Amino acid sequence: MVVKVYGPAYASAARRVMVCLIEKDVEFETIHVDLLKREQKSPQFLKLQPFGMVPVIQDGDLTLFESRAIIRYYAEKYASQGTDLLGKTTEERAIVEQWLEVEAQNYQPPVYDLVVQIMYHPKMGLPSDEAVIKESEEKLGKVLDVYEERLSKSRYLGGDFFSLADASHLPFTQYLVNDVGKGYLIRERKHVSAWWDDISNRPSWKKVLKL
């Protein structure tokens, strides 16, 4: 059965799900949701996702939202298929989960604020808050210093294998490096830069960017 992924293919959280599905060799189709027309807030969509956010997946009788919950589900459901994104031992799984939480709680918030302030506010005719930009950049720099130390000891965040922890960083780091003029935050850190070159050149991510 083909998995249905609701959400525009450009949406960061939808991309997080799609890269996981490709890594796990799971067939899927995207169901476009027009965010500019606020289709995600329509009564029909709210039946799938009561908070009006993308993505949502339908997998047979299962409807699931929240992108990190979705990728955990598919990494577990298809553990023996495609790329092992969880690790082979309980200890490896714990480390992957740890860094997946770091991405959600420490990494994404300042990156998100940078993207919104620098990329989206001008498109919406809103002023960018330079104080927020400065504070977010400082916060992100401190997080990336921790990453630099970690990646000096292992090829990937979860260990020596590509995992959900790495995959989850792809969408917003893509914006950071290519769209908001803050790529130096990655490039000035030797091991973070090498890690980014590695994960961003995975065939799965290149496929997602073409969708």
N, C-alpha and C. Protein backbone atom coordinates (compact mmCIF):
# COMPACT_ATOMS: atom_id res chain seq x y z
N MET A 1 0.83 -1.19 0.00
CA MET A 1 0.00 0.00 0.00
C MET A 1 0.87 1.25 0.00
N VAL A 2 0.53 2.20 -0.86
CA VAL A 2 1.30 3.43 -0.98
C VAL A 2 0.94 4.38 0.16
N VAL A 3 1.95 4.89 0.81
CA VAL A 3 1.75 5.85 1.90
C VAL A 3 1.38 7.21 1.31
N LYS A 4 0.41 7.87 1.91
CA LYS A 4 0.03 9.22 1.50
C LYS A 4 0.66 10.22 2.45
N VAL A 5 1.38 11.18 1.89
CA VAL A 5 2.01 12.24 2.68
C VAL A 5 1.32 13.55 2.33
N TYR A 6 0.59 14.11 3.28
CA TYR A 6 -0.11 15.37 3.07
C TYR A 6 0.80 16.53 3.44
N GLY A 7 0.99 17.42 2.49
CA GLY A 7 1.83 18.59 2.72
C GLY A 7 2.59 18.94 1.47
N PRO A 8 2.87 20.22 1.25
CA PRO A 8 3.65 20.60 0.06
C PRO A 8 5.06 20.03 0.14
N ALA A 9 5.58 19.64 -1.00
CA ALA A 9 6.89 19.00 -1.04
C ALA A 9 8.02 19.92 -0.59
N TYR A 10 7.74 21.24 -0.54
CA TYR A 10 8.78 22.17 -0.10
C TYR A 10 8.79 22.36 1.41
N ALA A 11 7.76 21.90 2.10
CA ALA A 11 7.67 22.12 3.54
C ALA A 11 8.76 21.32 4.27
N SER A 12 9.43 21.95 5.19
CA SER A 12 10.57 21.32 5.87
C SER A 12 10.19 20.04 6.59
N ALA A 13 9.10 20.07 7.35
CA ALA A 13 8.71 18.89 8.10
C ALA A 13 8.28 17.75 7.17
N ALA A 14 7.66 18.09 6.05
CA ALA A 14 7.29 17.07 5.06
C ALA A 14 8.55 16.46 4.45
N ARG A 15 9.56 17.29 4.20
CA ARG A 15 10.82 16.79 3.66
C ARG A 15 11.50 15.83 4.63
N ARG A 16 11.38 16.11 5.93
CA ARG A 16 11.94 15.22 6.94
C ARG A 16 11.34 13.82 6.80
N VAL A 17 10.04 13.77 6.57
CA VAL A 17 9.35 12.49 6.42
C VAL A 17 9.74 11.81 5.11
N MET A 18 9.78 12.57 4.03
CA MET A 18 10.04 11.98 2.73
C MET A 18 11.44 11.39 2.63
N VAL A 19 12.44 12.07 3.23
CA VAL A 19 13.80 11.51 3.16
C VAL A 19 13.86 10.20 3.92
N CYS A 20 13.12 10.09 5.01
CA CYS A 20 13.08 8.84 5.76
C CYS A 20 12.43 7.74 4.93
N LEU A 21 11.32 8.05 4.28
CA LEU A 21 10.62 7.05 3.47
C LEU A 21 11.50 6.55 2.33
N ILE A 22 12.25 7.46 1.72
CA ILE A 22 13.14 7.06 0.63
C ILE A 22 14.26 6.18 1.16
N GLU A 23 14.84 6.56 2.29
CA GLU A 23 15.90 5.74 2.89
C GLU A 23 15.39 4.33 3.24
N LYS A 24 14.12 4.23 3.60
CA LYS A 24 13.55 2.94 3.99
C LYS A 24 12.88 2.22 2.82
N ASP A 25 13.02 2.75 1.62
CA ASP A 25 12.45 2.12 0.41
C ASP A 25 10.94 1.92 0.54
N VAL A 26 10.26 2.92 1.09
CA VAL A 26 8.81 2.87 1.24
C VAL A 26 8.18 3.74 0.16
N GLU A 27 7.26 3.17 -0.61
CA GLU A 27 6.61 3.91 -1.68
C GLU A 27 5.61 4.89 -1.10
N PHE A 28 5.60 6.12 -1.63
CA PHE A 28 4.68 7.12 -1.12
C PHE A 28 4.24 8.06 -2.24
N GLU A 29 3.16 8.76 -1.98
CA GLU A 29 2.70 9.82 -2.86
C GLU A 29 2.42 11.05 -2.02
N THR A 30 2.66 12.22 -2.58
CA THR A 30 2.40 13.46 -1.86
C THR A 30 1.03 14.01 -2.24
N ILE A 31 0.30 14.45 -1.25
CA ILE A 31 -0.99 15.09 -1.45
C ILE A 31 -0.79 16.57 -1.13
N HIS A 32 -0.85 17.41 -2.15
CA HIS A 32 -0.50 18.81 -1.95
C HIS A 32 -1.50 19.51 -1.04
N VAL A 33 -0.97 20.29 -0.12
CA VAL A 33 -1.76 21.15 0.75
C VAL A 33 -1.24 22.57 0.54
N ASP A 34 -2.11 23.46 0.08
CA ASP A 34 -1.70 24.82 -0.23
C ASP A 34 -1.69 25.64 1.06
N LEU A 35 -0.49 25.89 1.57
CA LEU A 35 -0.36 26.61 2.83
C LEU A 35 -0.75 28.09 2.68
N LEU A 36 -0.49 28.67 1.51
CA LEU A 36 -0.82 30.07 1.30
C LEU A 36 -2.32 30.30 1.30
N LYS A 37 -3.07 29.29 0.85
CA LYS A 37 -4.53 29.36 0.88
C LYS A 37 -5.09 28.84 2.20
N ARG A 38 -4.17 28.47 3.11
CA ARG A 38 -4.53 27.99 4.45
C ARG A 38 -5.41 26.74 4.41
N GLU A 39 -5.12 25.89 3.42
CA GLU A 39 -5.87 24.63 3.35
C GLU A 39 -5.61 23.75 4.57
N GLN A 40 -4.46 23.97 5.24
CA GLN A 40 -4.15 23.20 6.44
C GLN A 40 -5.08 23.55 7.61
N LYS A 41 -5.83 24.64 7.48
CA LYS A 41 -6.77 25.06 8.52
C LYS A 41 -8.22 24.75 8.14
N SER A 42 -8.40 24.10 7.01
CA SER A 42 -9.76 23.79 6.56
C SER A 42 -10.38 22.71 7.44
N PRO A 43 -11.70 22.69 7.57
CA PRO A 43 -12.35 21.66 8.39
C PRO A 43 -11.97 20.24 7.96
N GLN A 44 -11.84 20.01 6.66
CA GLN A 44 -11.49 18.69 6.16
C GLN A 44 -10.10 18.27 6.63
N PHE A 45 -9.14 19.20 6.54
CA PHE A 45 -7.78 18.85 6.96
C PHE A 45 -7.68 18.71 8.47
N LEU A 46 -8.42 19.52 9.20
CA LEU A 46 -8.37 19.46 10.65
C LEU A 46 -8.89 18.13 11.20
N LYS A 47 -9.62 17.40 10.39
CA LYS A 47 -10.04 16.06 10.79
C LYS A 47 -8.85 15.11 10.82
N LEU A 48 -7.84 15.43 10.00
CA LEU A 48 -6.62 14.62 9.96
C LEU A 48 -5.60 15.11 10.98
N GLN A 49 -5.49 16.43 11.10
CA GLN A 49 -4.49 17.04 11.97
C GLN A 49 -5.16 18.19 12.72
N PRO A 50 -5.58 17.95 13.95
CA PRO A 50 -6.38 18.95 14.67
C PRO A 50 -5.67 20.25 14.96
N PHE A 51 -4.33 20.29 14.81
CA PHE A 51 -3.59 21.52 15.04
C PHE A 51 -3.32 22.29 13.75
N GLY A 52 -3.76 21.73 12.61
CA GLY A 52 -3.63 22.44 11.35
C GLY A 52 -2.21 22.63 10.87
N MET A 53 -1.38 21.59 11.03
CA MET A 53 0.00 21.64 10.61
C MET A 53 0.29 20.49 9.64
N VAL A 54 1.32 20.66 8.82
CA VAL A 54 1.77 19.58 7.95
C VAL A 54 3.12 19.08 8.45
N PRO A 55 3.43 17.79 8.17
CA PRO A 55 2.69 16.84 7.35
C PRO A 55 1.78 15.94 8.18
N VAL A 56 0.97 15.21 7.44
CA VAL A 56 0.18 14.10 7.98
C VAL A 56 0.41 12.92 7.05
N ILE A 57 0.48 11.72 7.59
CA ILE A 57 0.57 10.54 6.72
C ILE A 57 -0.65 9.66 6.96
N GLN A 58 -1.04 8.99 5.90
CA GLN A 58 -2.04 7.93 5.99
C GLN A 58 -1.40 6.65 5.48
N ASP A 59 -1.36 5.67 6.33
CA ASP A 59 -0.74 4.38 6.04
C ASP A 59 -1.77 3.32 6.35
N GLY A 60 -2.57 2.98 5.33
CA GLY A 60 -3.68 2.07 5.58
C GLY A 60 -4.69 2.74 6.51
N ASP A 61 -4.97 2.10 7.62
CA ASP A 61 -5.93 2.64 8.59
C ASP A 61 -5.29 3.63 9.57
N LEU A 62 -3.97 3.77 9.50
CA LEU A 62 -3.27 4.65 10.43
C LEU A 62 -3.13 6.05 9.86
N THR A 63 -3.55 7.04 10.64
CA THR A 63 -3.28 8.44 10.34
C THR A 63 -2.36 8.95 11.43
N LEU A 64 -1.26 9.59 11.03
CA LEU A 64 -0.24 10.00 11.99
C LEU A 64 0.28 11.38 11.62
N PHE A 65 0.46 12.23 12.63
CA PHE A 65 1.08 13.53 12.39
C PHE A 65 2.23 13.74 13.35
N GLU A 66 2.93 14.86 13.18
CA GLU A 66 4.20 15.20 13.84
C GLU A 66 5.34 14.44 13.17
N SER A 67 6.17 15.19 12.46
CA SER A 67 7.15 14.58 11.56
C SER A 67 8.14 13.66 12.26
N ARG A 68 8.57 14.01 13.46
CA ARG A 68 9.55 13.15 14.13
C ARG A 68 8.90 11.85 14.63
N ALA A 69 7.65 11.93 15.02
CA ALA A 69 6.92 10.71 15.37
C ALA A 69 6.77 9.82 14.14
N ILE A 70 6.53 10.44 13.00
CA ILE A 70 6.35 9.68 11.76
C ILE A 70 7.64 8.97 11.37
N ILE A 71 8.77 9.68 11.44
CA ILE A 71 10.01 9.02 11.01
C ILE A 71 10.43 7.93 11.99
N ARG A 72 10.12 8.11 13.27
CA ARG A 72 10.39 7.04 14.24
C ARG A 72 9.55 5.81 13.90
N TYR A 73 8.31 6.04 13.54
CA TYR A 73 7.39 4.96 13.20
C TYR A 73 7.92 4.15 12.01
N TYR A 74 8.33 4.84 10.95
CA TYR A 74 8.78 4.11 9.76
C TYR A 74 10.14 3.45 9.96
N ALA A 75 11.01 4.08 10.72
CA ALA A 75 12.31 3.46 11.01
C ALA A 75 12.11 2.16 11.79
N GLU A 76 11.11 2.15 12.65
CA GLU A 76 10.81 0.95 13.45
C GLU A 76 10.04 -0.08 12.63
N LYS A 77 9.02 0.36 11.91
CA LYS A 77 8.17 -0.56 11.15
C LYS A 77 8.97 -1.31 10.09
N TYR A 78 9.90 -0.61 9.46
CA TYR A 78 10.69 -1.23 8.39
C TYR A 78 12.16 -1.35 8.82
N ALA A 79 12.35 -1.79 10.04
CA ALA A 79 13.70 -1.88 10.60
C ALA A 79 14.62 -2.76 9.76
N SER A 80 14.06 -3.81 9.15
CA SER A 80 14.89 -4.74 8.37
C SER A 80 14.96 -4.37 6.89
N GLN A 81 14.43 -3.21 6.53
CA GLN A 81 14.34 -2.80 5.12
C GLN A 81 15.05 -1.47 4.93
N GLY A 82 15.77 -1.33 3.83
CA GLY A 82 16.44 -0.07 3.54
C GLY A 82 17.55 0.24 4.53
N THR A 83 17.80 1.52 4.73
CA THR A 83 18.86 1.97 5.62
C THR A 83 18.46 1.79 7.08
N ASP A 84 19.36 1.25 7.88
CA ASP A 84 19.12 1.17 9.33
C ASP A 84 19.29 2.56 9.92
N LEU A 85 18.19 3.17 10.34
CA LEU A 85 18.21 4.54 10.84
C LEU A 85 18.14 4.63 12.36
N LEU A 86 18.11 3.48 13.02
CA LEU A 86 17.93 3.46 14.47
C LEU A 86 19.14 2.96 15.24
N GLY A 87 19.96 2.12 14.62
CA GLY A 87 21.04 1.46 15.34
C GLY A 87 20.68 0.02 15.63
N LYS A 88 21.68 -0.77 15.88
CA LYS A 88 21.47 -2.21 16.04
C LYS A 88 21.36 -2.65 17.50
N THR A 89 21.73 -1.79 18.43
CA THR A 89 21.66 -2.16 19.84
C THR A 89 20.82 -1.13 20.59
N THR A 90 20.43 -1.49 21.80
CA THR A 90 19.68 -0.57 22.63
C THR A 90 20.48 0.69 22.90
N GLU A 91 21.79 0.53 23.09
CA GLU A 91 22.65 1.67 23.36
C GLU A 91 22.74 2.60 22.15
N GLU A 92 22.89 2.02 20.96
CA GLU A 92 22.93 2.84 19.75
C GLU A 92 21.61 3.58 19.55
N ARG A 93 20.51 2.90 19.79
CA ARG A 93 19.19 3.53 19.66
C ARG A 93 19.06 4.70 20.63
N ALA A 94 19.56 4.53 21.84
CA ALA A 94 19.48 5.60 22.83
C ALA A 94 20.24 6.84 22.39
N ILE A 95 21.41 6.64 21.79
CA ILE A 95 22.22 7.77 21.32
C ILE A 95 21.53 8.47 20.16
N VAL A 96 20.95 7.71 19.25
CA VAL A 96 20.20 8.30 18.13
C VAL A 96 19.04 9.13 18.66
N GLU A 97 18.29 8.57 19.60
CA GLU A 97 17.16 9.29 20.19
C GLU A 97 17.63 10.57 20.89
N GLN A 98 18.75 10.48 21.56
CA GLN A 98 19.30 11.65 22.25
C GLN A 98 19.53 12.79 21.27
N TRP A 99 20.20 12.50 20.15
CA TRP A 99 20.53 13.56 19.20
C TRP A 99 19.33 14.00 18.38
N LEU A 100 18.36 13.12 18.23
CA LEU A 100 17.11 13.54 17.59
C LEU A 100 16.39 14.55 18.48
N GLU A 101 16.45 14.35 19.79
CA GLU A 101 15.89 15.32 20.73
C GLU A 101 16.69 16.62 20.73
N VAL A 102 18.00 16.51 20.62
CA VAL A 102 18.83 17.72 20.55
C VAL A 102 18.43 18.55 19.34
N GLU A 103 18.23 17.88 18.22
CA GLU A 103 17.81 18.60 17.01
C GLU A 103 16.50 19.34 17.23
N ALA A 104 15.54 18.67 17.85
CA ALA A 104 14.22 19.26 18.06
C ALA A 104 14.24 20.39 19.09
N GLN A 105 15.00 20.19 20.16
CA GLN A 105 14.93 21.12 21.29
C GLN A 105 15.99 22.23 21.27
N ASN A 106 17.15 21.94 20.70
CA ASN A 106 18.26 22.90 20.75
C ASN A 106 18.64 23.48 19.40
N TYR A 107 18.56 22.66 18.35
CA TYR A 107 19.03 23.09 17.04
C TYR A 107 17.93 23.80 16.24
N GLN A 108 16.79 23.18 16.10
CA GLN A 108 15.77 23.77 15.23
C GLN A 108 15.26 25.13 15.70
N PRO A 109 15.02 25.36 17.01
CA PRO A 109 14.45 26.67 17.39
C PRO A 109 15.24 27.88 16.88
N PRO A 110 16.57 27.96 17.08
CA PRO A 110 17.26 29.14 16.56
C PRO A 110 17.35 29.16 15.03
N VAL A 111 17.47 27.99 14.40
CA VAL A 111 17.50 27.97 12.94
C VAL A 111 16.16 28.43 12.39
N TYR A 112 15.09 27.94 12.99
CA TYR A 112 13.73 28.33 12.57
C TYR A 112 13.56 29.85 12.66
N ASP A 113 14.00 30.43 13.76
CA ASP A 113 13.87 31.88 13.92
C ASP A 113 14.67 32.63 12.87
N LEU A 114 15.86 32.13 12.54
CA LEU A 114 16.65 32.78 11.49
C LEU A 114 15.95 32.71 10.14
N VAL A 115 15.42 31.55 9.80
CA VAL A 115 14.73 31.37 8.52
C VAL A 115 13.50 32.26 8.44
N VAL A 116 12.72 32.30 9.51
CA VAL A 116 11.51 33.12 9.51
C VAL A 116 11.86 34.60 9.37
N GLN A 117 12.83 35.06 10.15
CA GLN A 117 13.18 36.48 10.15
C GLN A 117 13.83 36.92 8.85
N ILE A 118 14.74 36.10 8.33
CA ILE A 118 15.52 36.51 7.16
C ILE A 118 14.83 36.17 5.85
N MET A 119 14.17 35.02 5.80
CA MET A 119 13.63 34.53 4.53
C MET A 119 12.15 34.85 4.34
N TYR A 120 11.38 34.66 5.39
CA TYR A 120 9.93 34.74 5.22
C TYR A 120 9.33 36.11 5.56
N HIS A 121 9.86 36.80 6.54
CA HIS A 121 9.31 38.12 6.87
C HIS A 121 9.35 39.08 5.69
N PRO A 122 10.47 39.16 4.95
CA PRO A 122 10.47 40.05 3.78
C PRO A 122 9.43 39.65 2.72
N LYS A 123 9.23 38.35 2.55
CA LYS A 123 8.24 37.90 1.56
C LYS A 123 6.83 38.29 1.97
N MET A 124 6.61 38.41 3.29
CA MET A 124 5.29 38.76 3.79
C MET A 124 5.14 40.26 4.05
N GLY A 125 6.18 41.02 3.69
CA GLY A 125 6.12 42.46 3.89
C GLY A 125 6.30 42.87 5.34
N LEU A 126 6.94 42.00 6.13
CA LEU A 126 7.15 42.28 7.55
C LEU A 126 8.61 42.63 7.79
N PRO A 127 8.88 43.48 8.76
CA PRO A 127 10.28 43.82 9.05
C PRO A 127 10.98 42.68 9.76
N SER A 128 12.26 42.53 9.49
CA SER A 128 13.07 41.53 10.18
C SER A 128 13.57 42.14 11.49
N ASP A 129 13.51 41.36 12.56
CA ASP A 129 13.94 41.81 13.87
C ASP A 129 15.42 41.47 14.03
N GLU A 130 16.27 42.47 13.95
CA GLU A 130 17.71 42.24 14.01
C GLU A 130 18.15 41.70 15.36
N ALA A 131 17.44 42.05 16.40
CA ALA A 131 17.78 41.54 17.72
C ALA A 131 17.53 40.04 17.80
N VAL A 132 16.42 39.59 17.22
CA VAL A 132 16.10 38.16 17.19
C VAL A 132 17.12 37.41 16.34
N ILE A 133 17.50 38.01 15.21
CA ILE A 133 18.49 37.39 14.33
C ILE A 133 19.81 37.22 15.07
N LYS A 134 20.26 38.27 15.74
CA LYS A 134 21.53 38.21 16.47
C LYS A 134 21.49 37.17 17.58
N GLU A 135 20.41 37.18 18.35
CA GLU A 135 20.28 36.24 19.46
C GLU A 135 20.22 34.80 18.96
N SER A 136 19.48 34.57 17.87
CA SER A 136 19.35 33.23 17.32
C SER A 136 20.68 32.72 16.78
N GLU A 137 21.42 33.60 16.13
CA GLU A 137 22.73 33.21 15.61
C GLU A 137 23.69 32.84 16.75
N GLU A 138 23.65 33.60 17.83
CA GLU A 138 24.50 33.30 18.98
C GLU A 138 24.13 31.96 19.60
N LYS A 139 22.84 31.71 19.74
CA LYS A 139 22.38 30.44 20.30
C LYS A 139 22.80 29.27 19.42
N LEU A 140 22.61 29.45 18.11
CA LEU A 140 22.95 28.38 17.18
C LEU A 140 24.45 28.11 17.18
N GLY A 141 25.26 29.17 17.28
CA GLY A 141 26.70 28.99 17.32
C GLY A 141 27.13 28.13 18.50
N LYS A 142 26.52 28.33 19.64
CA LYS A 142 26.85 27.53 20.82
C LYS A 142 26.44 26.07 20.63
N VAL A 143 25.30 25.86 20.00
CA VAL A 143 24.86 24.49 19.71
C VAL A 143 25.83 23.81 18.75
N LEU A 144 26.23 24.55 17.72
CA LEU A 144 27.14 23.97 16.72
C LEU A 144 28.53 23.72 17.29
N ASP A 145 28.92 24.45 18.31
CA ASP A 145 30.19 24.14 18.98
C ASP A 145 30.12 22.76 19.63
N VAL A 146 28.97 22.44 20.19
CA VAL A 146 28.76 21.11 20.77
C VAL A 146 28.80 20.05 19.67
N TYR A 147 28.17 20.36 18.54
CA TYR A 147 28.18 19.43 17.41
C TYR A 147 29.61 19.19 16.92
N GLU A 148 30.39 20.26 16.86
CA GLU A 148 31.77 20.14 16.38
C GLU A 148 32.55 19.17 17.24
N GLU A 149 32.37 19.27 18.54
CA GLU A 149 33.04 18.36 19.46
C GLU A 149 32.56 16.93 19.24
N ARG A 150 31.26 16.76 19.12
CA ARG A 150 30.71 15.42 18.91
C ARG A 150 31.22 14.82 17.60
N LEU A 151 31.18 15.60 16.54
CA LEU A 151 31.53 15.09 15.21
C LEU A 151 33.05 14.96 15.02
N SER A 152 33.82 15.44 15.95
CA SER A 152 35.26 15.18 15.91
C SER A 152 35.57 13.76 16.38
N LYS A 153 34.56 13.12 16.99
CA LYS A 153 34.76 11.78 17.55
C LYS A 153 33.96 10.72 16.80
N SER A 154 32.97 11.10 16.03
CA SER A 154 32.18 10.13 15.26
C SER A 154 31.75 10.76 13.95
N ARG A 155 31.57 9.93 12.95
CA ARG A 155 31.24 10.44 11.61
C ARG A 155 29.87 11.11 11.58
N TYR A 156 28.93 10.52 12.32
CA TYR A 156 27.56 11.05 12.38
C TYR A 156 27.19 11.33 13.83
N LEU A 157 26.07 11.98 14.02
CA LEU A 157 25.67 12.35 15.37
C LEU A 157 25.37 11.14 16.25
N GLY A 158 24.75 10.13 15.66
CA GLY A 158 24.39 8.95 16.43
C GLY A 158 25.51 7.93 16.57
N GLY A 159 26.59 8.14 15.85
CA GLY A 159 27.69 7.18 15.85
C GLY A 159 28.35 7.16 14.50
N ASP A 160 28.75 5.99 14.05
CA ASP A 160 29.40 5.86 12.75
C ASP A 160 28.46 5.40 11.65
N PHE A 161 27.16 5.63 11.85
CA PHE A 161 26.16 5.29 10.84
C PHE A 161 25.16 6.42 10.71
N PHE A 162 24.67 6.64 9.51
CA PHE A 162 23.64 7.65 9.24
C PHE A 162 22.35 7.21 9.91
N SER A 163 21.69 8.13 10.61
CA SER A 163 20.50 7.77 11.37
C SER A 163 19.44 8.86 11.27
N LEU A 164 18.33 8.62 11.97
CA LEU A 164 17.27 9.62 12.04
C LEU A 164 17.79 10.95 12.57
N ALA A 165 18.76 10.89 13.47
CA ALA A 165 19.30 12.11 14.06
C ALA A 165 19.91 13.01 12.99
N ASP A 166 20.61 12.42 12.04
CA ASP A 166 21.19 13.20 10.94
C ASP A 166 20.12 13.63 9.95
N ALA A 167 19.27 12.71 9.58
CA ALA A 167 18.23 12.99 8.58
C ALA A 167 17.34 14.15 9.01
N SER A 168 17.05 14.22 10.29
CA SER A 168 16.14 15.25 10.78
C SER A 168 16.71 16.65 10.64
N HIS A 169 18.03 16.76 10.52
CA HIS A 169 18.68 18.07 10.36
C HIS A 169 18.62 18.59 8.93
N LEU A 170 18.35 17.75 7.98
CA LEU A 170 18.50 18.12 6.58
C LEU A 170 17.64 19.32 6.15
N PRO A 171 16.34 19.35 6.43
CA PRO A 171 15.52 20.42 5.87
C PRO A 171 15.94 21.83 6.29
N PHE A 172 16.11 22.07 7.58
CA PHE A 172 16.41 23.43 8.01
C PHE A 172 17.87 23.81 7.78
N THR A 173 18.77 22.83 7.80
CA THR A 173 20.16 23.16 7.50
C THR A 173 20.31 23.55 6.04
N GLN A 174 19.49 22.96 5.18
CA GLN A 174 19.47 23.34 3.77
C GLN A 174 19.17 24.84 3.64
N TYR A 175 18.17 25.31 4.38
CA TYR A 175 17.85 26.75 4.38
C TYR A 175 19.03 27.56 4.92
N LEU A 176 19.59 27.09 6.01
CA LEU A 176 20.67 27.83 6.66
C LEU A 176 21.85 28.03 5.73
N VAL A 177 22.23 26.99 5.01
CA VAL A 177 23.41 27.02 4.16
C VAL A 177 23.15 27.74 2.84
N ASN A 178 21.95 27.56 2.28
CA ASN A 178 21.71 28.01 0.91
C ASN A 178 20.78 29.21 0.76
N ASP A 179 20.02 29.55 1.79
CA ASP A 179 18.98 30.56 1.58
C ASP A 179 19.02 31.79 2.48
N VAL A 180 19.66 31.72 3.63
CA VAL A 180 19.60 32.86 4.55
C VAL A 180 20.96 33.48 4.82
N GLY A 181 21.97 33.06 4.07
CA GLY A 181 23.26 33.70 4.20
C GLY A 181 24.00 33.40 5.49
N LYS A 182 23.69 32.29 6.11
CA LYS A 182 24.34 31.93 7.38
C LYS A 182 25.14 30.63 7.26
N GLY A 183 25.49 30.26 6.05
CA GLY A 183 26.22 29.03 5.84
C GLY A 183 27.57 28.99 6.54
N TYR A 184 28.13 30.16 6.82
CA TYR A 184 29.43 30.18 7.50
C TYR A 184 29.35 29.55 8.89
N LEU A 185 28.18 29.53 9.49
CA LEU A 185 28.03 28.88 10.79
C LEU A 185 28.35 27.39 10.70
N ILE A 186 28.06 26.82 9.55
CA ILE A 186 28.41 25.42 9.28
C ILE A 186 29.86 25.32 8.81
N ARG A 187 30.23 26.17 7.86
CA ARG A 187 31.52 26.03 7.18
C ARG A 187 32.72 26.37 8.05
N GLU A 188 32.54 27.21 9.05
CA GLU A 188 33.70 27.57 9.88
C GLU A 188 34.02 26.51 10.93
N ARG A 189 33.22 25.45 10.95
CA ARG A 189 33.46 24.34 11.87
C ARG A 189 33.79 23.11 11.03
N LYS A 190 35.04 22.70 11.08
CA LYS A 190 35.58 21.67 10.18
C LYS A 190 34.75 20.39 10.16
N HIS A 191 34.46 19.84 11.31
CA HIS A 191 33.77 18.55 11.36
C HIS A 191 32.28 18.68 11.05
N VAL A 192 31.67 19.80 11.46
CA VAL A 192 30.27 20.04 11.11
C VAL A 192 30.14 20.21 9.60
N SER A 193 31.09 20.91 9.00
CA SER A 193 31.06 21.13 7.56
C SER A 193 31.18 19.82 6.80
N ALA A 194 32.09 18.95 7.23
CA ALA A 194 32.26 17.64 6.56
C ALA A 194 31.01 16.79 6.73
N TRP A 195 30.42 16.84 7.91
CA TRP A 195 29.18 16.11 8.17
C TRP A 195 28.08 16.60 7.26
N TRP A 196 27.94 17.91 7.11
CA TRP A 196 26.89 18.46 6.25
C TRP A 196 27.11 18.05 4.79
N ASP A 197 28.34 18.11 4.32
CA ASP A 197 28.62 17.68 2.94
C ASP A 197 28.24 16.22 2.74
N ASP A 198 28.49 15.41 3.74
CA ASP A 198 28.16 13.99 3.68
C ASP A 198 26.66 13.78 3.59
N ILE A 199 25.92 14.28 4.57
CA ILE A 199 24.49 13.96 4.61
C ILE A 199 23.70 14.66 3.51
N SER A 200 24.13 15.85 3.12
CA SER A 200 23.37 16.58 2.09
C SER A 200 23.61 16.04 0.70
N ASN A 201 24.59 15.16 0.54
CA ASN A 201 24.84 14.54 -0.75
C ASN A 201 24.28 13.12 -0.84
N ARG A 202 23.53 12.71 0.15
CA ARG A 202 22.89 11.41 0.07
C ARG A 202 21.86 11.41 -1.06
N PRO A 203 21.77 10.33 -1.83
CA PRO A 203 20.80 10.26 -2.92
C PRO A 203 19.37 10.53 -2.47
N SER A 204 19.02 10.09 -1.27
CA SER A 204 17.66 10.30 -0.78
C SER A 204 17.33 11.79 -0.67
N TRP A 205 18.27 12.58 -0.16
CA TRP A 205 18.02 14.00 -0.01
C TRP A 205 17.97 14.70 -1.36
N LYS A 206 18.80 14.29 -2.29
CA LYS A 206 18.78 14.87 -3.61
C LYS A 206 17.45 14.59 -4.30
N LYS A 207 16.88 13.41 -4.05
CA LYS A 207 15.56 13.09 -4.60
C LYS A 207 14.49 13.99 -4.00
N VAL A 208 14.57 14.21 -2.70
CA VAL A 208 13.59 15.07 -2.03
C VAL A 208 13.65 16.47 -2.60
N LEU A 209 14.83 17.01 -2.83
CA LEU A 209 14.96 18.36 -3.34
C LEU A 209 14.39 18.53 -4.75
N LYS A 210 14.30 17.44 -5.46
CA LYS A 210 13.74 17.48 -6.83
C LYS A 210 12.22 17.38 -6.85
N LEU A 211 11.62 16.98 -5.75
CA LEU A 211 10.18 16.79 -5.71
C LEU A 211 9.45 18.15 -5.78
